[in-house]
Structure formats: C-alpha cells, structure tokens
Amino acid sequence: MQYWVCYDIADDRRRQRLSDALLDFGTRIQESVFQCRIDATLAEEMLTRVQRTIEENTDKVHVISLCDACGGKITLYGIAKEAADPEYLII
C-alpha cells in the first residue's frame, strides 16, 4: 500500500523530527511530502510516530492512503520521478 504524507509545521525542530521519522518509512518527494510504500503494520507504526511528534493544536499533517490499483494511476509531469522502493527500512 502507498501512503502519501504531507505536512505544514512551523516549528523547525519539530518539523525536522517529523522529517527524520518519515525517512524511516519512505522517500521524500518534495520538502514536506513523503511517499511511503509500506504494509499495514509499518503504517500503524508510522502513524504512531507522527502523532507522537506533532503538536495537535498547531501542526497540520495529511496522510493519504492509496490502494495498489489507485497507486498505479499516478501521473508524473516534468522532472518528477516515481519514488523507488527503499532498499531497507529503519525501524
């Protein structure tokens, strides 16, 4: 399954912590957008880490899950590239 995580976090330290956490699960597509190809178990762990990292009253995080069929419908333009599956995940 694919998960896309997009965030808007004003606090530099918290934003860096979230970015570091998401790198354990996927690939940075843009500055605050990650594409994660993970199973349900890892997705639960990722969501737990997101929730532990952010400030609920100020931060914005969107997690979009795509089934395999929907993930195959992504269209890329310009120099955009599909994120490669990571060789390994750090948990």
PDB file of N, CA and C in Angstrom:
ATOM      1  N   MET A   1       0.843  -1.176   0.000  1.00  0.00           N
ATOM      2  CA  MET A   1       0.000   0.000   0.000  1.00  0.00           C
ATOM      3  C   MET A   1       0.889   1.241   0.000  1.00  0.00           C
ATOM      4  N   GLN A   2       0.408   2.273  -0.624  1.00  0.00           N
ATOM      5  CA  GLN A   2       1.132   3.540  -0.651  1.00  0.00           C
ATOM      6  C   GLN A   2       0.479   4.529   0.290  1.00  0.00           C
ATOM      7  N   TYR A   3       1.311   5.266   0.986  1.00  0.00           N
ATOM      8  CA  TYR A   3       0.845   6.349   1.840  1.00  0.00           C
ATOM      9  C   TYR A   3       1.599   7.598   1.442  1.00  0.00           C
ATOM     10  N   TRP A   4       0.890   8.687   1.262  1.00  0.00           N
ATOM     11  CA  TRP A   4       1.497   9.978   0.998  1.00  0.00           C
ATOM     12  C   TRP A   4       1.273  10.819   2.244  1.00  0.00           C
ATOM     13  N   VAL A   5       2.329  11.388   2.762  1.00  0.00           N
ATOM     14  CA  VAL A   5       2.252  12.203   3.968  1.00  0.00           C
ATOM     15  C   VAL A   5       2.714  13.611   3.606  1.00  0.00           C
ATOM     16  N   CYS A   6       1.847  14.578   3.861  1.00  0.00           N
ATOM     17  CA  CYS A   6       2.129  15.989   3.593  1.00  0.00           C
ATOM     18  C   CYS A   6       1.950  16.742   4.906  1.00  0.00           C
ATOM     19  N   TYR A   7       2.817  17.682   5.164  1.00  0.00           N
ATOM     20  CA  TYR A   7       2.706  18.390   6.432  1.00  0.00           C
ATOM     21  C   TYR A   7       3.076  19.856   6.319  1.00  0.00           C
ATOM     22  N   ASP A   8       2.575  20.627   7.275  1.00  0.00           N
ATOM     23  CA  ASP A   8       2.885  22.042   7.417  1.00  0.00           C
ATOM     24  C   ASP A   8       3.126  22.271   8.903  1.00  0.00           C
ATOM     25  N   ILE A   9       4.389  22.406   9.265  1.00  0.00           N
ATOM     26  CA  ILE A   9       4.779  22.555  10.660  1.00  0.00           C
ATOM     27  C   ILE A   9       5.709  23.758  10.771  1.00  0.00           C
ATOM     28  N   ALA A  10       5.319  24.756  11.562  1.00  0.00           N
ATOM     29  CA  ALA A  10       6.087  25.994  11.670  1.00  0.00           C
ATOM     30  C   ALA A  10       7.345  25.834  12.524  1.00  0.00           C
ATOM     31  N   ASP A  11       7.297  24.998  13.529  1.00  0.00           N
ATOM     32  CA  ASP A  11       8.426  24.833  14.437  1.00  0.00           C
ATOM     33  C   ASP A  11       9.535  24.023  13.759  1.00  0.00           C
ATOM     34  N   ASP A  12      10.713  24.622  13.606  1.00  0.00           N
ATOM     35  CA  ASP A  12      11.820  23.982  12.884  1.00  0.00           C
ATOM     36  C   ASP A  12      12.236  22.649  13.500  1.00  0.00           C
ATOM     37  N   ARG A  13      12.339  22.607  14.803  1.00  0.00           N
ATOM     38  CA  ARG A  13      12.802  21.388  15.471  1.00  0.00           C
ATOM     39  C   ARG A  13      11.804  20.240  15.310  1.00  0.00           C
ATOM     40  N   ARG A  14      10.541  20.548  15.502  1.00  0.00           N
ATOM     41  CA  ARG A  14       9.511  19.521  15.371  1.00  0.00           C
ATOM     42  C   ARG A  14       9.384  19.073  13.915  1.00  0.00           C
ATOM     43  N   ARG A  15       9.498  20.018  12.980  1.00  0.00           N
ATOM     44  CA  ARG A  15       9.436  19.673  11.563  1.00  0.00           C
ATOM     45  C   ARG A  15      10.587  18.740  11.192  1.00  0.00           C
ATOM     46  N   GLN A  16      11.777  19.007  11.710  1.00  0.00           N
ATOM     47  CA  GLN A  16      12.935  18.150  11.430  1.00  0.00           C
ATOM     48  C   GLN A  16      12.748  16.757  12.034  1.00  0.00           C
ATOM     49  N   ARG A  17      12.198  16.686  13.235  1.00  0.00           N
ATOM     50  CA  ARG A  17      11.942  15.381  13.874  1.00  0.00           C
ATOM     51  C   ARG A  17      10.952  14.561  13.061  1.00  0.00           C
ATOM     52  N   LEU A  18       9.909  15.225  12.544  1.00  0.00           N
ATOM     53  CA  LEU A  18       8.932  14.504  11.732  1.00  0.00           C
ATOM     54  C   LEU A  18       9.562  14.041  10.429  1.00  0.00           C
ATOM     55  N   SER A  19      10.324  14.913   9.804  1.00  0.00           N
ATOM     56  CA  SER A  19      11.004  14.552   8.561  1.00  0.00           C
ATOM     57  C   SER A  19      11.920  13.350   8.773  1.00  0.00           C
ATOM     58  N   ASP A  20      12.701  13.373   9.847  1.00  0.00           N
ATOM     59  CA  ASP A  20      13.601  12.253  10.150  1.00  0.00           C
ATOM     60  C   ASP A  20      12.815  10.964  10.369  1.00  0.00           C
ATOM     61  N   ALA A  21      11.695  11.060  11.063  1.00  0.00           N
ATOM     62  CA  ALA A  21      10.870   9.877  11.307  1.00  0.00           C
ATOM     63  C   ALA A  21      10.321   9.326  10.000  1.00  0.00           C
ATOM     64  N   LEU A  22       9.831  10.198   9.127  1.00  0.00           N
ATOM     65  CA  LEU A  22       9.235   9.735   7.871  1.00  0.00           C
ATOM     66  C   LEU A  22      10.271   9.119   6.937  1.00  0.00           C
ATOM     67  N   LEU A  23      11.515   9.553   7.036  1.00  0.00           N
ATOM     68  CA  LEU A  23      12.569   8.937   6.221  1.00  0.00           C
ATOM     69  C   LEU A  23      12.770   7.464   6.571  1.00  0.00           C
ATOM     70  N   ASP A  24      12.342   7.055   7.761  1.00  0.00           N
ATOM     71  CA  ASP A  24      12.415   5.643   8.140  1.00  0.00           C
ATOM     72  C   ASP A  24      11.383   4.800   7.400  1.00  0.00           C
ATOM     73  N   PHE A  25      10.398   5.455   6.785  1.00  0.00           N
ATOM     74  CA  PHE A  25       9.294   4.729   6.164  1.00  0.00           C
ATOM     75  C   PHE A  25       9.153   4.954   4.671  1.00  0.00           C
ATOM     76  N   GLY A  26       9.748   6.005   4.147  1.00  0.00           N
ATOM     77  CA  GLY A  26       9.541   6.284   2.733  1.00  0.00           C
ATOM     78  C   GLY A  26      10.541   7.259   2.160  1.00  0.00           C
ATOM     79  N   THR A  27      10.152   7.839   1.028  1.00  0.00           N
ATOM     80  CA  THR A  27      11.024   8.710   0.240  1.00  0.00           C
ATOM     81  C   THR A  27      10.451  10.118   0.201  1.00  0.00           C
ATOM     82  N   ARG A  28      11.334  11.101   0.376  1.00  0.00           N
ATOM     83  CA  ARG A  28      10.906  12.493   0.266  1.00  0.00           C
ATOM     84  C   ARG A  28      10.665  12.808  -1.208  1.00  0.00           C
ATOM     85  N   ILE A  29       9.449  13.281  -1.508  1.00  0.00           N
ATOM     86  CA  ILE A  29       9.081  13.657  -2.870  1.00  0.00           C
ATOM     87  C   ILE A  29       9.289  15.156  -3.061  1.00  0.00           C
ATOM     88  N   GLN A  30       8.907  15.931  -2.079  1.00  0.00           N
ATOM     89  CA  GLN A  30       9.149  17.370  -2.036  1.00  0.00           C
ATOM     90  C   GLN A  30       9.517  17.716  -0.600  1.00  0.00           C
ATOM     91  N   GLU A  31       9.765  18.973  -0.321  1.00  0.00           N
ATOM     92  CA  GLU A  31      10.223  19.361   1.016  1.00  0.00           C
ATOM     93  C   GLU A  31       9.361  18.794   2.138  1.00  0.00           C
ATOM     94  N   SER A  32       8.063  18.856   1.997  1.00  0.00           N
ATOM     95  CA  SER A  32       7.204  18.365   3.083  1.00  0.00           C
ATOM     96  C   SER A  32       6.192  17.339   2.587  1.00  0.00           C
ATOM     97  N   VAL A  33       6.638  16.523   1.632  1.00  0.00           N
ATOM     98  CA  VAL A  33       5.789  15.459   1.087  1.00  0.00           C
ATOM     99  C   VAL A  33       6.618  14.171   0.994  1.00  0.00           C
ATOM    100  N   PHE A  34       6.068  13.106   1.570  1.00  0.00           N
ATOM    101  CA  PHE A  34       6.739  11.805   1.534  1.00  0.00           C
ATOM    102  C   PHE A  34       5.827  10.767   0.904  1.00  0.00           C
ATOM    103  N   GLN A  35       6.427   9.865   0.132  1.00  0.00           N
ATOM    104  CA  GLN A  35       5.717   8.714  -0.424  1.00  0.00           C
ATOM    105  C   GLN A  35       6.263   7.477   0.287  1.00  0.00           C
ATOM    106  N   CYS A  36       5.372   6.723   0.900  1.00  0.00           N
ATOM    107  CA  CYS A  36       5.778   5.557   1.687  1.00  0.00           C
ATOM    108  C   CYS A  36       5.064   4.320   1.149  1.00  0.00           C
ATOM    109  N   ARG A  37       5.810   3.330   0.732  1.00  0.00           N
ATOM    110  CA  ARG A  37       5.254   2.043   0.287  1.00  0.00           C
ATOM    111  C   ARG A  37       5.513   1.034   1.389  1.00  0.00           C
ATOM    112  N   ILE A  38       4.509   0.853   2.217  1.00  0.00           N
ATOM    113  CA  ILE A  38       4.677   0.019   3.403  1.00  0.00           C
ATOM    114  C   ILE A  38       3.426  -0.809   3.643  1.00  0.00           C
ATOM    115  N   ASP A  39       3.580  -1.836   4.453  1.00  0.00           N
ATOM    116  CA  ASP A  39       2.419  -2.666   4.794  1.00  0.00           C
ATOM    117  C   ASP A  39       1.661  -2.035   5.965  1.00  0.00           C
ATOM    118  N   ALA A  40       0.556  -2.643   6.335  1.00  0.00           N
ATOM    119  CA  ALA A  40      -0.323  -2.083   7.363  1.00  0.00           C
ATOM    120  C   ALA A  40       0.366  -1.972   8.720  1.00  0.00           C
ATOM    121  N   THR A  41       1.207  -2.934   9.041  1.00  0.00           N
ATOM    122  CA  THR A  41       1.909  -2.909  10.329  1.00  0.00           C
ATOM    123  C   THR A  41       2.846  -1.712  10.416  1.00  0.00           C
ATOM    124  N   LEU A  42       3.632  -1.499   9.366  1.00  0.00           N
ATOM    125  CA  LEU A  42       4.530  -0.347   9.352  1.00  0.00           C
ATOM    126  C   LEU A  42       3.750   0.954   9.286  1.00  0.00           C
ATOM    127  N   ALA A  43       2.609   0.945   8.609  1.00  0.00           N
ATOM    128  CA  ALA A  43       1.776   2.153   8.538  1.00  0.00           C
ATOM    129  C   ALA A  43       1.304   2.546   9.931  1.00  0.00           C
ATOM    130  N   GLU A  44       0.908   1.569  10.727  1.00  0.00           N
ATOM    131  CA  GLU A  44       0.493   1.859  12.104  1.00  0.00           C
ATOM    132  C   GLU A  44       1.630   2.479  12.900  1.00  0.00           C
ATOM    133  N   GLU A  45       2.824   1.923  12.741  1.00  0.00           N
ATOM    134  CA  GLU A  45       3.994   2.466  13.438  1.00  0.00           C
ATOM    135  C   GLU A  45       4.281   3.890  12.969  1.00  0.00           C
ATOM    136  N   MET A  46       4.191   4.123  11.656  1.00  0.00           N
ATOM    137  CA  MET A  46       4.431   5.458  11.114  1.00  0.00           C
ATOM    138  C   MET A  46       3.422   6.461  11.687  1.00  0.00           C
ATOM    139  N   LEU A  47       2.157   6.093  11.703  1.00  0.00           N
ATOM    140  CA  LEU A  47       1.122   6.991  12.212  1.00  0.00           C
ATOM    141  C   LEU A  47       1.307   7.278  13.697  1.00  0.00           C
ATOM    142  N   THR A  48       1.728   6.282  14.435  1.00  0.00           N
ATOM    143  CA  THR A  48       2.008   6.480  15.860  1.00  0.00           C
ATOM    144  C   THR A  48       3.138   7.480  16.044  1.00  0.00           C
ATOM    145  N   ARG A  49       4.192   7.337  15.256  1.00  0.00           N
ATOM    146  CA  ARG A  49       5.319   8.266  15.367  1.00  0.00           C
ATOM    147  C   ARG A  49       4.929   9.671  14.941  1.00  0.00           C
ATOM    148  N   VAL A  50       4.087   9.784  13.919  1.00  0.00           N
ATOM    149  CA  VAL A  50       3.604  11.105  13.503  1.00  0.00           C
ATOM    150  C   VAL A  50       2.850  11.748  14.658  1.00  0.00           C
ATOM    151  N   GLN A  51       1.933  11.007  15.249  1.00  0.00           N
ATOM    152  CA  GLN A  51       1.116  11.551  16.335  1.00  0.00           C
ATOM    153  C   GLN A  51       1.956  11.937  17.549  1.00  0.00           C
ATOM    154  N   ARG A  52       3.001  11.180  17.822  1.00  0.00           N
ATOM    155  CA  ARG A  52       3.876  11.492  18.956  1.00  0.00           C
ATOM    156  C   ARG A  52       4.736  12.733  18.690  1.00  0.00           C
ATOM    157  N   THR A  53       4.991  13.024  17.427  1.00  0.00           N
ATOM    158  CA  THR A  53       5.908  14.097  17.059  1.00  0.00           C
ATOM    159  C   THR A  53       5.242  15.461  16.955  1.00  0.00           C
ATOM    160  N   ILE A  54       4.033  15.488  16.463  1.00  0.00           N
ATOM    161  CA  ILE A  54       3.403  16.772  16.164  1.00  0.00           C
ATOM    162  C   ILE A  54       2.726  17.394  17.384  1.00  0.00           C
ATOM    163  N   GLU A  55       2.440  18.668  17.262  1.00  0.00           N
ATOM    164  CA  GLU A  55       1.641  19.398  18.244  1.00  0.00           C
ATOM    165  C   GLU A  55       0.235  19.486  17.668  1.00  0.00           C
ATOM    166  N   GLU A  56      -0.700  18.810  18.310  1.00  0.00           N
ATOM    167  CA  GLU A  56      -2.070  18.690  17.795  1.00  0.00           C
ATOM    168  C   GLU A  56      -2.767  20.032  17.558  1.00  0.00           C
ATOM    169  N   ASN A  57      -2.425  21.042  18.345  1.00  0.00           N
ATOM    170  CA  ASN A  57      -3.127  22.324  18.250  1.00  0.00           C
ATOM    171  C   ASN A  57      -2.570  23.277  17.197  1.00  0.00           C
ATOM    172  N   THR A  58      -1.398  22.971  16.631  1.00  0.00           N
ATOM    173  CA  THR A  58      -0.797  23.919  15.682  1.00  0.00           C
ATOM    174  C   THR A  58      -0.356  23.290  14.363  1.00  0.00           C
ATOM    175  N   ASP A  59       0.017  22.025  14.359  1.00  0.00           N
ATOM    176  CA  ASP A  59       0.585  21.396  13.166  1.00  0.00           C
ATOM    177  C   ASP A  59      -0.493  20.796  12.278  1.00  0.00           C
ATOM    178  N   LYS A  60      -0.184  20.723  10.978  1.00  0.00           N
ATOM    179  CA  LYS A  60      -1.105  20.101  10.018  1.00  0.00           C
ATOM    180  C   LYS A  60      -0.382  18.955   9.321  1.00  0.00           C
ATOM    181  N   VAL A  61      -0.990  17.775   9.342  1.00  0.00           N
ATOM    182  CA  VAL A  61      -0.448  16.605   8.661  1.00  0.00           C
ATOM    183  C   VAL A  61      -1.595  15.913   7.933  1.00  0.00           C
ATOM    184  N   HIS A  62      -1.379  15.628   6.670  1.00  0.00           N
ATOM    185  CA  HIS A  62      -2.351  14.883   5.865  1.00  0.00           C
ATOM    186  C   HIS A  62      -1.702  13.558   5.488  1.00  0.00           C
ATOM    187  N   VAL A  63      -2.383  12.457   5.767  1.00  0.00           N
ATOM    188  CA  VAL A  63      -1.914  11.130   5.371  1.00  0.00           C
ATOM    189  C   VAL A  63      -2.943  10.572   4.403  1.00  0.00           C
ATOM    190  N   ILE A  64      -2.505  10.287   3.189  1.00  0.00           N
ATOM    191  CA  ILE A  64      -3.391   9.788   2.144  1.00  0.00           C
ATOM    192  C   ILE A  64      -2.966   8.363   1.828  1.00  0.00           C
ATOM    193  N   SER A  65      -3.881   7.423   1.949  1.00  0.00           N
ATOM    194  CA  SER A  65      -3.558   6.031   1.629  1.00  0.00           C
ATOM    195  C   SER A  65      -4.137   5.695   0.256  1.00  0.00           C
ATOM    196  N   LEU A  66      -3.326   5.018  -0.532  1.00  0.00           N
ATOM    197  CA  LEU A  66      -3.731   4.605  -1.876  1.00  0.00           C
ATOM    198  C   LEU A  66      -3.609   3.099  -1.994  1.00  0.00           C
ATOM    199  N   CYS A  67      -4.665   2.461  -2.482  1.00  0.00           N
ATOM    200  CA  CYS A  67      -4.585   1.026  -2.742  1.00  0.00           C
ATOM    201  C   CYS A  67      -3.645   0.811  -3.941  1.00  0.00           C
ATOM    202  N   ASP A  68      -3.273  -0.423  -4.190  1.00  0.00           N
ATOM    203  CA  ASP A  68      -2.357  -0.709  -5.291  1.00  0.00           C
ATOM    204  C   ASP A  68      -2.909  -0.258  -6.635  1.00  0.00           C
ATOM    205  N   ALA A  69      -4.201  -0.426  -6.841  1.00  0.00           N
ATOM    206  CA  ALA A  69      -4.807  -0.015  -8.110  1.00  0.00           C
ATOM    207  C   ALA A  69      -4.739   1.506  -8.274  1.00  0.00           C
ATOM    208  N   CYS A  70      -5.053   2.238  -7.210  1.00  0.00           N
ATOM    209  CA  CYS A  70      -5.006   3.700  -7.282  1.00  0.00           C
ATOM    210  C   CYS A  70      -3.576   4.202  -7.413  1.00  0.00           C
ATOM    211  N   GLY A  71      -2.652   3.558  -6.727  1.00  0.00           N
ATOM    212  CA  GLY A  71      -1.249   3.954  -6.818  1.00  0.00           C
ATOM    213  C   GLY A  71      -0.717   3.856  -8.235  1.00  0.00           C
ATOM    214  N   GLY A  72      -1.247   2.938  -9.010  1.00  0.00           N
ATOM    215  CA  GLY A  72      -0.825   2.791 -10.403  1.00  0.00           C
ATOM    216  C   GLY A  72      -1.368   3.866 -11.316  1.00  0.00           C
ATOM    217  N   LYS A  73      -2.255   4.708 -10.813  1.00  0.00           N
ATOM    218  CA  LYS A  73      -2.853   5.764 -11.624  1.00  0.00           C
ATOM    219  C   LYS A  73      -2.185   7.126 -11.420  1.00  0.00           C
ATOM    220  N   ILE A  74      -1.075   7.154 -10.742  1.00  0.00           N
ATOM    221  CA  ILE A  74      -0.363   8.413 -10.516  1.00  0.00           C
ATOM    222  C   ILE A  74       0.298   8.841 -11.822  1.00  0.00           C
ATOM    223  N   THR A  75       0.087  10.090 -12.202  1.00  0.00           N
ATOM    224  CA  THR A  75       0.679  10.637 -13.419  1.00  0.00           C
ATOM    225  C   THR A  75       1.733  11.656 -13.027  1.00  0.00           C
ATOM    226  N   LEU A  76       2.898  11.559 -13.615  1.00  0.00           N
ATOM    227  CA  LEU A  76       4.007  12.451 -13.313  1.00  0.00           C
ATOM    228  C   LEU A  76       4.291  13.342 -14.520  1.00  0.00           C
ATOM    229  N   TYR A  77       4.668  14.585 -14.260  1.00  0.00           N
ATOM    230  CA  TYR A  77       4.993  15.536 -15.324  1.00  0.00           C
ATOM    231  C   TYR A  77       6.341  16.184 -15.030  1.00  0.00           C
ATOM    232  N   GLY A  78       6.931  16.728 -16.069  1.00  0.00           N
ATOM    233  CA  GLY A  78       8.206  17.425 -15.901  1.00  0.00           C
ATOM    234  C   GLY A  78       9.295  16.483 -15.437  1.00  0.00           C
ATOM    235  N   ILE A  79      10.067  16.914 -14.464  1.00  0.00           N
ATOM    236  CA  ILE A  79      11.179  16.094 -13.981  1.00  0.00           C
ATOM    237  C   ILE A  79      10.793  15.226 -12.789  1.00  0.00           C
ATOM    238  N   ALA A  80       9.493  15.160 -12.482  1.00  0.00           N
ATOM    239  CA  ALA A  80       9.025  14.329 -11.372  1.00  0.00           C
ATOM    240  C   ALA A  80       9.343  12.862 -11.647  1.00  0.00           C
ATOM    241  N   LYS A  81       9.762  12.159 -10.607  1.00  0.00           N
ATOM    242  CA  LYS A  81      10.073  10.735 -10.720  1.00  0.00           C
ATOM    243  C   LYS A  81       9.310   9.960  -9.654  1.00  0.00           C
ATOM    244  N   GLU A  82       8.901   8.769 -10.005  1.00  0.00           N
ATOM    245  CA  GLU A  82       8.270   7.871  -9.040  1.00  0.00           C
ATOM    246  C   GLU A  82       9.324   7.498  -8.007  1.00  0.00           C
ATOM    247  N   ALA A  83       8.951   7.543  -6.757  1.00  0.00           N
ATOM    248  CA  ALA A  83       9.883   7.186  -5.694  1.00  0.00           C
ATOM    249  C   ALA A  83      10.186   5.694  -5.776  1.00  0.00           C
ATOM    250  N   ALA A  84      11.450   5.368  -5.659  1.00  0.00           N
ATOM    251  CA  ALA A  84      11.854   3.963  -5.675  1.00  0.00           C
ATOM    252  C   ALA A  84      11.587   3.355  -4.312  1.00  0.00           C
ATOM    253  N   ASP A  85      11.287   2.073  -4.293  1.00  0.00           N
ATOM    254  CA  ASP A  85      11.148   1.382  -3.019  1.00  0.00           C
ATOM    255  C   ASP A  85      12.492   1.425  -2.310  1.00  0.00           C
ATOM    256  N   PRO A  86      12.503   1.748  -1.025  1.00  0.00           N
ATOM    257  CA  PRO A  86      13.770   1.762  -0.314  1.00  0.00           C
ATOM    258  C   PRO A  86      14.366   0.366  -0.232  1.00  0.00           C
ATOM    259  N   GLU A  87      15.702   0.298  -0.220  1.00  0.00           N
ATOM    260  CA  GLU A  87      16.353  -0.997  -0.111  1.00  0.00           C
ATOM    261  C   GLU A  87      16.123  -1.609   1.265  1.00  0.00           C
ATOM    262  N   TYR A  88      15.933  -0.759   2.260  1.00  0.00           N
ATOM    263  CA  TYR A  88      15.663  -1.228   3.603  1.00  0.00           C
ATOM    264  C   TYR A  88      14.945  -0.116   4.360  1.00  0.00           C
ATOM    265  N   LEU A  89      14.282  -0.487   5.426  1.00  0.00           N
ATOM    266  CA  LEU A  89      13.610   0.481   6.292  1.00  0.00           C
ATOM    267  C   LEU A  89      14.246   0.422   7.668  1.00  0.00           C
ATOM    268  N   ILE A  90      14.416   1.578   8.276  1.00  0.00           N
ATOM    269  CA  ILE A  90      14.956   1.647   9.625  1.00  0.00           C
ATOM    270  C   ILE A  90      13.787   1.777  10.576  1.00  0.00           C
ATOM    271  N   ILE A  91      13.676   0.863  11.484  1.00  0.00           N
ATOM    272  CA  ILE A  91      12.569   0.903  12.452  1.00  0.00           C
ATOM    273  C   ILE A  91      13.136   1.026  13.848  1.00  0.00           C
TER     274      ILE A  91
END
